[in-house]
């Protein structure tokens, strides 16, 4: 078996048994931490579809995380507790917004595409800040988690496995998508769009569908994130969130199936380790690392990017002959 496949199977198996281990060692905190990793991984998978397979560098996908989060928060605020209804509302709102935004953004390419996606994301960010009845810039606490009957989402372990199921579902969807005819077309668009048009393919339509699917995956992540934190805040829509997702994707390996999961895992684990760094080191280095953990994390990302240009998992895939 190829090393990249072994790593993927071990990582997925580790996520599957993590709650059992956490309860066994008396550390339920890890259930919440790994739930967060999986949710960011789901969002990064959505970004990866646009970035890794179509070549669309988007700094606006945080917009769709915000849509998912606010769909849950506003629904609960209005007295609607049904989680399945929250999911339908979020996906419908995400689709209605993603289609026209995609049509506008896909008329451009390169730096223009990046800036337009950023502009749309910031526009909705300021819209969320202006929603005073829903917390404005201070955000909006959720009175409870969504009621996904017959599942008990209020239970941390149950919610963990809900997120795990969504992660597996999204990975399966992406695997089927990129190996289907549609996937071949969008990957062809990344390599040579003019040639794909000459072959008779409607590249705009294929790229739009890919953009909308990637947006809807981020909406799913937003629904889960709001339920995990029991909070909706405009910061979910900020361009910094989009940038973090792009970094996770590139760190793990853009254009690979498991890359975003690896990138999200490394990103969140490093963030937690550096922010709570306590090893006794000379010259107050521990305090320096804790106080400046974002700068240290940035250095780590730069080193990985320069030494492993295809990302952590992407390096293994390339080593195995490019099998994804």
C-alpha atoms as a PDB file:
ATOM      1  CA  UNK A   1       0.000   0.000   0.000  1.00  0.00           C
ATOM      2  CA  UNK A   2       1.264   3.502  -0.831  1.00  0.00           C
ATOM      3  CA  UNK A   3       2.533   5.623   2.056  1.00  0.00           C
ATOM      4  CA  UNK A   4       0.085   8.446   1.294  1.00  0.00           C
ATOM      5  CA  UNK A   5      -2.850   6.025   1.509  1.00  0.00           C
ATOM      6  CA  UNK A   6      -1.516   4.613   4.787  1.00  0.00           C
ATOM      7  CA  UNK A   7      -1.264   8.109   6.266  1.00  0.00           C
ATOM      8  CA  UNK A   8      -4.818   8.901   5.155  1.00  0.00           C
ATOM      9  CA  UNK A   9      -6.230   5.708   6.677  1.00  0.00           C
ATOM     10  CA  UNK A  10      -4.341   6.174   9.956  1.00  0.00           C
ATOM     11  CA  UNK A  11      -5.500   9.788  10.250  1.00  0.00           C
ATOM     12  CA  UNK A  12      -9.145   8.905   9.587  1.00  0.00           C
ATOM     13  CA  UNK A  13      -8.970   5.963  12.013  1.00  0.00           C
ATOM     14  CA  UNK A  14      -7.492   8.284  14.660  1.00  0.00           C
ATOM     15  CA  UNK A  15     -10.410  10.686  14.239  1.00  0.00           C
ATOM     16  CA  UNK A  16     -12.856   7.779  14.472  1.00  0.00           C
ATOM     17  CA  UNK A  17     -11.582   6.586  17.865  1.00  0.00           C
ATOM     18  CA  UNK A  18     -10.539   9.964  19.336  1.00  0.00           C
ATOM     19  CA  UNK A  19     -13.623  10.373  21.616  1.00  0.00           C
ATOM     20  CA  UNK A  20     -13.048   6.905  23.112  1.00  0.00           C
ATOM     21  CA  UNK A  21      -9.418   7.798  23.856  1.00  0.00           C
ATOM     22  CA  UNK A  22     -10.387  11.216  25.255  1.00  0.00           C
ATOM     23  CA  UNK A  23     -12.911   9.688  27.642  1.00  0.00           C
ATOM     24  CA  UNK A  24     -10.430   6.946  28.536  1.00  0.00           C
ATOM     25  CA  UNK A  25      -7.765   9.433  29.665  1.00  0.00           C
ATOM     26  CA  UNK A  26     -10.314  11.778  31.253  1.00  0.00           C
ATOM     27  CA  UNK A  27      -9.705  14.667  28.824  1.00  0.00           C
ATOM     28  CA  UNK A  28     -13.051  15.532  27.165  1.00  0.00           C
ATOM     29  CA  UNK A  29     -11.480  18.818  25.987  1.00  0.00           C
ATOM     30  CA  UNK A  30      -9.893  16.897  23.124  1.00  0.00           C
ATOM     31  CA  UNK A  31     -13.344  16.040  21.776  1.00  0.00           C
ATOM     32  CA  UNK A  32     -14.077  19.750  21.302  1.00  0.00           C
ATOM     33  CA  UNK A  33     -10.599  20.427  19.908  1.00  0.00           C
ATOM     34  CA  UNK A  34     -10.786  17.665  17.296  1.00  0.00           C
ATOM     35  CA  UNK A  35     -14.367  18.651  16.428  1.00  0.00           C
ATOM     36  CA  UNK A  36     -12.950  22.081  15.611  1.00  0.00           C
ATOM     37  CA  UNK A  37     -10.224  20.510  13.465  1.00  0.00           C
ATOM     38  CA  UNK A  38     -12.802  18.511  11.496  1.00  0.00           C
ATOM     39  CA  UNK A  39     -15.002  21.561  10.915  1.00  0.00           C
ATOM     40  CA  UNK A  40     -12.073  23.591   9.604  1.00  0.00           C
ATOM     41  CA  UNK A  41     -11.077  20.589   7.486  1.00  0.00           C
ATOM     42  CA  UNK A  42     -14.554  20.519   5.921  1.00  0.00           C
ATOM     43  CA  UNK A  43     -14.271  24.218   5.064  1.00  0.00           C
ATOM     44  CA  UNK A  44     -10.733  23.710   3.707  1.00  0.00           C
ATOM     45  CA  UNK A  45     -12.007  20.864   1.498  1.00  0.00           C
ATOM     46  CA  UNK A  46     -14.496  23.324   0.011  1.00  0.00           C
ATOM     47  CA  UNK A  47     -11.685  25.817  -0.614  1.00  0.00           C
ATOM     48  CA  UNK A  48      -9.552  23.013  -2.075  1.00  0.00           C
ATOM     49  CA  UNK A  49     -12.179  22.223  -4.700  1.00  0.00           C
ATOM     50  CA  UNK A  50     -11.949  25.804  -5.979  1.00  0.00           C
ATOM     51  CA  UNK A  51      -8.223  26.349  -5.392  1.00  0.00           C
ATOM     52  CA  UNK A  52      -6.621  22.951  -5.856  1.00  0.00           C
ATOM     53  CA  UNK A  53      -8.718  21.541  -8.697  1.00  0.00           C
ATOM     54  CA  UNK A  54      -9.944  24.605 -10.610  1.00  0.00           C
ATOM     55  CA  UNK A  55      -7.175  27.077  -9.774  1.00  0.00           C
ATOM     56  CA  UNK A  56      -9.514  29.724  -8.315  1.00  0.00           C
ATOM     57  CA  UNK A  57      -7.711  31.497  -5.452  1.00  0.00           C
ATOM     58  CA  UNK A  58     -10.576  32.775  -3.318  1.00  0.00           C
ATOM     59  CA  UNK A  59     -10.316  35.050  -0.291  1.00  0.00           C
ATOM     60  CA  UNK A  60     -14.081  35.095   0.060  1.00  0.00           C
ATOM     61  CA  UNK A  61     -15.103  31.624   1.195  1.00  0.00           C
ATOM     62  CA  UNK A  62     -15.405  32.809   4.794  1.00  0.00           C
ATOM     63  CA  UNK A  63     -18.584  34.492   3.548  1.00  0.00           C
ATOM     64  CA  UNK A  64     -20.219  31.070   3.244  1.00  0.00           C
ATOM     65  CA  UNK A  65     -19.071  29.973   6.684  1.00  0.00           C
ATOM     66  CA  UNK A  66     -20.759  33.106   8.003  1.00  0.00           C
ATOM     67  CA  UNK A  67     -23.947  32.334   6.083  1.00  0.00           C
ATOM     68  CA  UNK A  68     -24.103  28.883   7.679  1.00  0.00           C
ATOM     69  CA  UNK A  69     -23.423  30.255  11.155  1.00  0.00           C
ATOM     70  CA  UNK A  70     -25.929  33.114  10.934  1.00  0.00           C
ATOM     71  CA  UNK A  71     -28.603  30.852   9.416  1.00  0.00           C
ATOM     72  CA  UNK A  72     -28.416  28.804  12.618  1.00  0.00           C
ATOM     73  CA  UNK A  73     -28.211  31.807  14.955  1.00  0.00           C
ATOM     74  CA  UNK A  74     -31.053  33.790  13.382  1.00  0.00           C
ATOM     75  CA  UNK A  75     -33.276  30.708  13.150  1.00  0.00           C
ATOM     76  CA  UNK A  76     -32.763  29.934  16.843  1.00  0.00           C
ATOM     77  CA  UNK A  77     -33.323  33.595  17.717  1.00  0.00           C
ATOM     78  CA  UNK A  78     -36.643  33.400  15.828  1.00  0.00           C
ATOM     79  CA  UNK A  79     -37.735  30.329  17.778  1.00  0.00           C
ATOM     80  CA  UNK A  80     -36.943  27.676  15.148  1.00  0.00           C
ATOM     81  CA  UNK A  81     -34.915  24.945  16.850  1.00  0.00           C
ATOM     82  CA  UNK A  82     -35.053  22.230  14.163  1.00  0.00           C
ATOM     83  CA  UNK A  83     -31.497  21.598  12.995  1.00  0.00           C
ATOM     84  CA  UNK A  84     -32.574  19.984   9.722  1.00  0.00           C
ATOM     85  CA  UNK A  85     -34.506  23.168   8.929  1.00  0.00           C
ATOM     86  CA  UNK A  86     -31.409  25.214   9.823  1.00  0.00           C
ATOM     87  CA  UNK A  87     -29.377  23.110   7.399  1.00  0.00           C
ATOM     88  CA  UNK A  88     -31.882  23.557   4.559  1.00  0.00           C
ATOM     89  CA  UNK A  89     -32.135  27.313   5.173  1.00  0.00           C
ATOM     90  CA  UNK A  90     -28.341  27.668   5.250  1.00  0.00           C
ATOM     91  CA  UNK A  91     -27.789  25.640   2.065  1.00  0.00           C
ATOM     92  CA  UNK A  92     -30.588  27.490   0.248  1.00  0.00           C
ATOM     93  CA  UNK A  93     -29.209  30.882   1.298  1.00  0.00           C
ATOM     94  CA  UNK A  94     -25.691  29.811   0.363  1.00  0.00           C
ATOM     95  CA  UNK A  95     -26.801  28.668  -3.086  1.00  0.00           C
ATOM     96  CA  UNK A  96     -28.827  31.830  -3.760  1.00  0.00           C
ATOM     97  CA  UNK A  97     -25.836  33.995  -2.852  1.00  0.00           C
ATOM     98  CA  UNK A  98     -23.093  31.817  -4.401  1.00  0.00           C
ATOM     99  CA  UNK A  99     -24.601  31.647  -7.903  1.00  0.00           C
ATOM    100  CA  UNK A 100     -24.662  35.411  -8.685  1.00  0.00           C
ATOM    101  CA  UNK A 101     -21.367  36.007  -6.873  1.00  0.00           C
ATOM    102  CA  UNK A 102     -19.800  33.162  -8.834  1.00  0.00           C
ATOM    103  CA  UNK A 103     -21.112  34.541 -12.116  1.00  0.00           C
ATOM    104  CA  UNK A 104     -19.573  37.932 -11.364  1.00  0.00           C
ATOM    105  CA  UNK A 105     -16.257  36.617 -10.024  1.00  0.00           C
ATOM    106  CA  UNK A 106     -15.725  34.120 -12.847  1.00  0.00           C
ATOM    107  CA  UNK A 107     -15.777  36.933 -15.399  1.00  0.00           C
ATOM    108  CA  UNK A 108     -12.327  37.749 -14.057  1.00  0.00           C
ATOM    109  CA  UNK A 109      -9.223  35.695 -13.374  1.00  0.00           C
ATOM    110  CA  UNK A 110      -5.968  35.888 -11.475  1.00  0.00           C
ATOM    111  CA  UNK A 111      -5.563  38.852  -9.139  1.00  0.00           C
ATOM    112  CA  UNK A 112      -8.939  40.280 -10.199  1.00  0.00           C
ATOM    113  CA  UNK A 113     -10.708  37.118  -9.033  1.00  0.00           C
ATOM    114  CA  UNK A 114      -8.915  37.262  -5.676  1.00  0.00           C
ATOM    115  CA  UNK A 115      -9.896  40.895  -5.093  1.00  0.00           C
ATOM    116  CA  UNK A 116     -13.544  40.476  -6.110  1.00  0.00           C
ATOM    117  CA  UNK A 117     -14.039  37.477  -3.824  1.00  0.00           C
ATOM    118  CA  UNK A 118     -12.389  39.472  -1.030  1.00  0.00           C
ATOM    119  CA  UNK A 119     -14.668  42.449  -1.741  1.00  0.00           C
ATOM    120  CA  UNK A 120     -17.834  40.344  -1.551  1.00  0.00           C
ATOM    121  CA  UNK A 121     -16.703  38.741   1.694  1.00  0.00           C
ATOM    122  CA  UNK A 122     -15.952  42.108   3.297  1.00  0.00           C
ATOM    123  CA  UNK A 123     -19.269  43.499   2.070  1.00  0.00           C
ATOM    124  CA  UNK A 124     -21.170  40.763   3.895  1.00  0.00           C
ATOM    125  CA  UNK A 125     -18.850  41.154   6.894  1.00  0.00           C
ATOM    126  CA  UNK A 126     -19.906  44.777   7.293  1.00  0.00           C
ATOM    127  CA  UNK A 127     -23.523  43.755   6.714  1.00  0.00           C
ATOM    128  CA  UNK A 128     -23.240  41.351   9.664  1.00  0.00           C
ATOM    129  CA  UNK A 129     -21.620  44.087  11.780  1.00  0.00           C
ATOM    130  CA  UNK A 130     -24.634  46.296  11.031  1.00  0.00           C
ATOM    131  CA  UNK A 131     -27.172  43.692  12.194  1.00  0.00           C
ATOM    132  CA  UNK A 132     -27.646  45.245  15.631  1.00  0.00           C
ATOM    133  CA  UNK A 133     -30.675  43.085  16.419  1.00  0.00           C
ATOM    134  CA  UNK A 134     -28.430  40.050  16.002  1.00  0.00           C
ATOM    135  CA  UNK A 135     -25.485  41.261  18.068  1.00  0.00           C
ATOM    136  CA  UNK A 136     -23.728  43.498  15.553  1.00  0.00           C
ATOM    137  CA  UNK A 137     -19.947  43.460  15.833  1.00  0.00           C
ATOM    138  CA  UNK A 138     -20.120  41.756  19.247  1.00  0.00           C
ATOM    139  CA  UNK A 139     -21.651  38.627  17.792  1.00  0.00           C
ATOM    140  CA  UNK A 140     -24.631  36.590  18.865  1.00  0.00           C
ATOM    141  CA  UNK A 141     -24.683  33.762  21.435  1.00  0.00           C
ATOM    142  CA  UNK A 142     -26.845  30.748  20.650  1.00  0.00           C
ATOM    143  CA  UNK A 143     -29.299  29.680  23.394  1.00  0.00           C
ATOM    144  CA  UNK A 144     -28.717  26.024  22.495  1.00  0.00           C
ATOM    145  CA  UNK A 145     -27.454  23.785  19.746  1.00  0.00           C
ATOM    146  CA  UNK A 146     -29.698  22.885  16.829  1.00  0.00           C
ATOM    147  CA  UNK A 147     -32.052  19.974  17.451  1.00  0.00           C
ATOM    148  CA  UNK A 148     -31.110  17.316  14.889  1.00  0.00           C
ATOM    149  CA  UNK A 149     -33.802  14.834  15.918  1.00  0.00           C
ATOM    150  CA  UNK A 150     -33.347  11.931  16.680  1.00  0.00           C
ATOM    151  CA  UNK A 151     -29.679  12.817  17.388  1.00  0.00           C
ATOM    152  CA  UNK A 152     -28.714  14.609  20.591  1.00  0.00           C
ATOM    153  CA  UNK A 153     -26.439  17.356  19.282  1.00  0.00           C
ATOM    154  CA  UNK A 154     -26.152  18.793  22.809  1.00  0.00           C
ATOM    155  CA  UNK A 155     -23.996  15.799  23.692  1.00  0.00           C
ATOM    156  CA  UNK A 156     -20.351  16.529  22.800  1.00  0.00           C
ATOM    157  CA  UNK A 157     -19.602  12.986  21.623  1.00  0.00           C
ATOM    158  CA  UNK A 158     -22.750  12.776  19.501  1.00  0.00           C
ATOM    159  CA  UNK A 159     -21.954  16.137  17.930  1.00  0.00           C
ATOM    160  CA  UNK A 160     -18.379  14.948  17.312  1.00  0.00           C
ATOM    161  CA  UNK A 161     -19.584  11.972  15.314  1.00  0.00           C
ATOM    162  CA  UNK A 162     -22.044  14.174  13.420  1.00  0.00           C
ATOM    163  CA  UNK A 163     -19.093  16.324  12.311  1.00  0.00           C
ATOM    164  CA  UNK A 164     -17.087  13.177  11.541  1.00  0.00           C
ATOM    165  CA  UNK A 165     -19.928  11.823   9.379  1.00  0.00           C
ATOM    166  CA  UNK A 166     -20.159  15.125   7.465  1.00  0.00           C
ATOM    167  CA  UNK A 167     -16.377  15.103   6.958  1.00  0.00           C
ATOM    168  CA  UNK A 168     -16.473  11.558   5.548  1.00  0.00           C
ATOM    169  CA  UNK A 169     -19.444  12.455   3.355  1.00  0.00           C
ATOM    170  CA  UNK A 170     -17.669  15.520   1.945  1.00  0.00           C
ATOM    171  CA  UNK A 171     -14.485  13.523   1.289  1.00  0.00           C
ATOM    172  CA  UNK A 172     -16.510  10.844  -0.523  1.00  0.00           C
ATOM    173  CA  UNK A 173     -18.347  13.503  -2.542  1.00  0.00           C
ATOM    174  CA  UNK A 174     -15.092  15.167  -3.576  1.00  0.00           C
ATOM    175  CA  UNK A 175     -13.484  11.835  -4.470  1.00  0.00           C
ATOM    176  CA  UNK A 176     -16.408  10.889  -6.716  1.00  0.00           C
ATOM    177  CA  UNK A 177     -16.544  14.390  -8.190  1.00  0.00           C
ATOM    178  CA  UNK A 178     -12.897  14.761  -9.186  1.00  0.00           C
ATOM    179  CA  UNK A 179     -12.744  11.285 -10.730  1.00  0.00           C
ATOM    180  CA  UNK A 180     -15.912  11.798 -12.760  1.00  0.00           C
ATOM    181  CA  UNK A 181     -16.118  13.484 -16.160  1.00  0.00           C
ATOM    182  CA  UNK A 182     -16.949  16.763 -14.426  1.00  0.00           C
ATOM    183  CA  UNK A 183     -13.746  16.535 -12.387  1.00  0.00           C
ATOM    184  CA  UNK A 184     -11.671  15.903 -15.486  1.00  0.00           C
ATOM    185  CA  UNK A 185     -13.133  19.031 -17.097  1.00  0.00           C
ATOM    186  CA  UNK A 186     -12.475  21.347 -14.146  1.00  0.00           C
ATOM    187  CA  UNK A 187      -8.921  20.035 -13.795  1.00  0.00           C
ATOM    188  CA  UNK A 188      -8.493  20.625 -17.506  1.00  0.00           C
ATOM    189  CA  UNK A 189      -9.698  24.201 -16.995  1.00  0.00           C
ATOM    190  CA  UNK A 190      -6.936  24.708 -14.431  1.00  0.00           C
ATOM    191  CA  UNK A 191      -4.268  23.440 -16.835  1.00  0.00           C
ATOM    192  CA  UNK A 192      -5.485  25.039 -20.076  1.00  0.00           C
ATOM    193  CA  UNK A 193      -8.941  26.623 -20.149  1.00  0.00           C
ATOM    194  CA  UNK A 194      -8.647  27.775 -23.773  1.00  0.00           C
ATOM    195  CA  UNK A 195      -8.021  24.215 -24.905  1.00  0.00           C
ATOM    196  CA  UNK A 196     -11.050  22.948 -22.941  1.00  0.00           C
ATOM    197  CA  UNK A 197     -13.214  25.559 -24.666  1.00  0.00           C
ATOM    198  CA  UNK A 198     -11.804  24.508 -28.040  1.00  0.00           C
ATOM    199  CA  UNK A 199     -12.844  20.936 -27.222  1.00  0.00           C
ATOM    200  CA  UNK A 200     -16.432  22.149 -26.832  1.00  0.00           C
ATOM    201  CA  UNK A 201     -16.779  22.287 -23.040  1.00  0.00           C
ATOM    202  CA  UNK A 202     -18.642  25.120 -21.360  1.00  0.00           C
ATOM    203  CA  UNK A 203     -15.858  26.090 -18.989  1.00  0.00           C
ATOM    204  CA  UNK A 204     -17.852  28.884 -17.336  1.00  0.00           C
ATOM    205  CA  UNK A 205     -20.672  26.509 -16.434  1.00  0.00           C
ATOM    206  CA  UNK A 206     -18.322  23.869 -15.049  1.00  0.00           C
ATOM    207  CA  UNK A 207     -16.349  26.411 -13.018  1.00  0.00           C
ATOM    208  CA  UNK A 208     -19.561  27.959 -11.682  1.00  0.00           C
ATOM    209  CA  UNK A 209     -20.863  24.571 -10.533  1.00  0.00           C
ATOM    210  CA  UNK A 210     -17.512  23.860  -8.854  1.00  0.00           C
ATOM    211  CA  UNK A 211     -17.604  27.273  -7.160  1.00  0.00           C
ATOM    212  CA  UNK A 212     -21.158  26.746  -5.858  1.00  0.00           C
ATOM    213  CA  UNK A 213     -20.358  23.254  -4.555  1.00  0.00           C
ATOM    214  CA  UNK A 214     -17.264  24.574  -2.789  1.00  0.00           C
ATOM    215  CA  UNK A 215     -19.368  27.370  -1.282  1.00  0.00           C
ATOM    216  CA  UNK A 216     -22.035  24.934  -0.051  1.00  0.00           C
ATOM    217  CA  UNK A 217     -19.371  22.788   1.629  1.00  0.00           C
ATOM    218  CA  UNK A 218     -18.252  25.900   3.527  1.00  0.00           C
ATOM    219  CA  UNK A 219     -21.889  26.591   4.458  1.00  0.00           C
ATOM    220  CA  UNK A 220     -22.008  23.104   6.027  1.00  0.00           C
ATOM    221  CA  UNK A 221     -18.878  23.958   8.000  1.00  0.00           C
ATOM    222  CA  UNK A 222     -20.498  27.202   9.158  1.00  0.00           C
ATOM    223  CA  UNK A 223     -23.574  25.375  10.462  1.00  0.00           C
ATOM    224  CA  UNK A 224     -21.345  23.015  12.434  1.00  0.00           C
ATOM    225  CA  UNK A 225     -19.048  25.804  13.676  1.00  0.00           C
ATOM    226  CA  UNK A 226     -21.955  27.827  15.077  1.00  0.00           C
ATOM    227  CA  UNK A 227     -23.233  24.739  16.887  1.00  0.00           C
ATOM    228  CA  UNK A 228     -19.782  23.879  18.232  1.00  0.00           C
ATOM    229  CA  UNK A 229     -19.045  27.334  19.640  1.00  0.00           C
ATOM    230  CA  UNK A 230     -22.725  28.217  20.263  1.00  0.00           C
ATOM    231  CA  UNK A 231     -21.885  31.626  18.849  1.00  0.00           C
ATOM    232  CA  UNK A 232     -22.181  33.536  15.569  1.00  0.00           C
ATOM    233  CA  UNK A 233     -19.858  36.459  14.967  1.00  0.00           C
ATOM    234  CA  UNK A 234     -18.954  38.683  11.995  1.00  0.00           C
ATOM    235  CA  UNK A 235     -15.352  37.485  12.362  1.00  0.00           C
ATOM    236  CA  UNK A 236     -16.456  34.231  10.714  1.00  0.00           C
ATOM    237  CA  UNK A 237     -16.960  36.255   7.516  1.00  0.00           C
ATOM    238  CA  UNK A 238     -13.703  38.197   7.729  1.00  0.00           C
ATOM    239  CA  UNK A 239     -11.035  37.770   5.063  1.00  0.00           C
ATOM    240  CA  UNK A 240      -8.625  36.480   7.728  1.00  0.00           C
ATOM    241  CA  UNK A 241     -10.751  33.346   8.028  1.00  0.00           C
ATOM    242  CA  UNK A 242     -10.574  32.880   4.251  1.00  0.00           C
ATOM    243  CA  UNK A 243      -6.805  33.329   4.395  1.00  0.00           C
ATOM    244  CA  UNK A 244      -6.513  30.721   7.148  1.00  0.00           C
ATOM    245  CA  UNK A 245      -8.455  28.222   5.028  1.00  0.00           C
ATOM    246  CA  UNK A 246      -6.208  28.875   2.026  1.00  0.00           C
ATOM    247  CA  UNK A 247      -3.124  28.339   4.220  1.00  0.00           C
ATOM    248  CA  UNK A 248      -4.546  25.079   5.603  1.00  0.00           C
ATOM    249  CA  UNK A 249      -5.210  23.870   2.071  1.00  0.00           C
ATOM    250  CA  UNK A 250      -1.748  24.774   0.785  1.00  0.00           C
ATOM    251  CA  UNK A 251      -0.051  23.499   3.956  1.00  0.00           C
ATOM    252  CA  UNK A 252      -1.651  20.066   3.598  1.00  0.00           C
ATOM    253  CA  UNK A 253      -1.468  19.920  -0.181  1.00  0.00           C
ATOM    254  CA  UNK A 254      -3.785  21.715  -2.596  1.00  0.00           C
ATOM    255  CA  UNK A 255      -5.258  19.445  -5.242  1.00  0.00           C
ATOM    256  CA  UNK A 256      -5.108  16.341  -3.035  1.00  0.00           C
ATOM    257  CA  UNK A 257      -8.070  14.710  -1.340  1.00  0.00           C
ATOM    258  CA  UNK A 258      -6.683  14.415   2.190  1.00  0.00           C
ATOM    259  CA  UNK A 259      -4.409  17.485   2.048  1.00  0.00           C
ATOM    260  CA  UNK A 260      -6.926  19.919   3.613  1.00  0.00           C
ATOM    261  CA  UNK A 261      -7.558  17.486   6.492  1.00  0.00           C
ATOM    262  CA  UNK A 262      -3.819  17.212   7.145  1.00  0.00           C
ATOM    263  CA  UNK A 263      -3.401  20.985   6.851  1.00  0.00           C
ATOM    264  CA  UNK A 264      -6.280  21.755   9.238  1.00  0.00           C
ATOM    265  CA  UNK A 265      -4.959  19.224  11.753  1.00  0.00           C
ATOM    266  CA  UNK A 266      -1.431  20.633  11.732  1.00  0.00           C
ATOM    267  CA  UNK A 267      -2.678  24.239  11.801  1.00  0.00           C
ATOM    268  CA  UNK A 268      -5.022  23.842  14.799  1.00  0.00           C
ATOM    269  CA  UNK A 269      -2.650  21.581  16.769  1.00  0.00           C
ATOM    270  CA  UNK A 270       0.272  23.990  16.291  1.00  0.00           C
ATOM    271  CA  UNK A 271      -1.972  26.895  17.242  1.00  0.00           C
ATOM    272  CA  UNK A 272      -2.951  25.179  20.505  1.00  0.00           C
ATOM    273  CA  UNK A 273       0.589  24.037  21.321  1.00  0.00           C
ATOM    274  CA  UNK A 274       2.215  27.419  20.670  1.00  0.00           C
ATOM    275  CA  UNK A 275      -0.485  29.418  22.473  1.00  0.00           C
ATOM    276  CA  UNK A 276       0.006  27.285  25.611  1.00  0.00           C
ATOM    277  CA  UNK A 277       3.745  26.627  25.288  1.00  0.00           C
ATOM    278  CA  UNK A 278       5.114  25.845  28.774  1.00  0.00           C
ATOM    279  CA  UNK A 279       8.470  24.053  28.368  1.00  0.00           C
ATOM    280  CA  UNK A 280      11.108  25.632  30.616  1.00  0.00           C
ATOM    281  CA  UNK A 281      13.559  27.354  28.242  1.00  0.00           C
ATOM    282  CA  UNK A 282      16.303  29.942  28.898  1.00  0.00           C
ATOM    283  CA  UNK A 283      15.926  33.684  28.193  1.00  0.00           C
ATOM    284  CA  UNK A 284      12.146  33.518  28.728  1.00  0.00           C
ATOM    285  CA  UNK A 285      11.693  31.860  25.343  1.00  0.00           C
ATOM    286  CA  UNK A 286       8.533  30.080  26.512  1.00  0.00           C
ATOM    287  CA  UNK A 287       6.896  33.393  27.393  1.00  0.00           C
ATOM    288  CA  UNK A 288       8.023  34.868  24.074  1.00  0.00           C
ATOM    289  CA  UNK A 289       6.511  31.947  22.135  1.00  0.00           C
ATOM    290  CA  UNK A 290       3.215  32.157  24.054  1.00  0.00           C
ATOM    291  CA  UNK A 291       2.994  35.920  23.517  1.00  0.00           C
ATOM    292  CA  UNK A 292       3.971  35.772  19.839  1.00  0.00           C
ATOM    293  CA  UNK A 293       2.620  32.386  18.824  1.00  0.00           C
ATOM    294  CA  UNK A 294       1.100  33.735  15.597  1.00  0.00           C
ATOM    295  CA  UNK A 295       4.529  34.928  14.417  1.00  0.00           C
ATOM    296  CA  UNK A 296       6.107  31.577  15.328  1.00  0.00           C
ATOM    297  CA  UNK A 297       3.292  29.752  13.515  1.00  0.00           C
ATOM    298  CA  UNK A 298       3.911  31.952  10.485  1.00  0.00           C
ATOM    299  CA  UNK A 299       7.606  31.014  10.473  1.00  0.00           C
ATOM    300  CA  UNK A 300       6.693  27.317  10.629  1.00  0.00           C
ATOM    301  CA  UNK A 301       4.306  27.744   7.680  1.00  0.00           C
ATOM    302  CA  UNK A 302       6.958  29.580   5.654  1.00  0.00           C
ATOM    303  CA  UNK A 303       9.539  26.848   6.317  1.00  0.00           C
ATOM    304  CA  UNK A 304       7.123  24.076   5.333  1.00  0.00           C
ATOM    305  CA  UNK A 305       6.025  25.950   2.205  1.00  0.00           C
ATOM    306  CA  UNK A 306       9.604  26.570   1.068  1.00  0.00           C
ATOM    307  CA  UNK A 307      10.822  23.025   1.750  1.00  0.00           C
ATOM    308  CA  UNK A 308       7.707  21.088   0.706  1.00  0.00           C
ATOM    309  CA  UNK A 309       6.201  23.081  -2.159  1.00  0.00           C
ATOM    310  CA  UNK A 310       3.361  20.595  -2.654  1.00  0.00           C
ATOM    311  CA  UNK A 311       2.419  20.617   1.031  1.00  0.00           C
ATOM    312  CA  UNK A 312       2.784  17.955   3.696  1.00  0.00           C
ATOM    313  CA  UNK A 313       0.403  15.390   2.216  1.00  0.00           C
ATOM    314  CA  UNK A 314       1.036  16.598  -1.326  1.00  0.00           C
ATOM    315  CA  UNK A 315       4.692  15.626  -0.868  1.00  0.00           C
ATOM    316  CA  UNK A 316       3.660  12.049  -0.033  1.00  0.00           C
ATOM    317  CA  UNK A 317       1.296  11.926  -3.010  1.00  0.00           C
ATOM    318  CA  UNK A 318       4.045  13.129  -5.352  1.00  0.00           C
ATOM    319  CA  UNK A 319       6.427  10.588  -3.801  1.00  0.00           C
ATOM    320  CA  UNK A 320       3.906   7.819  -4.552  1.00  0.00           C
ATOM    321  CA  UNK A 321       3.660   8.862  -8.170  1.00  0.00           C
ATOM    322  CA  UNK A 322       0.905  11.451  -8.023  1.00  0.00           C
ATOM    323  CA  UNK A 323      -1.928   9.078  -7.035  1.00  0.00           C
ATOM    324  CA  UNK A 324      -4.527  11.074  -5.122  1.00  0.00           C
END
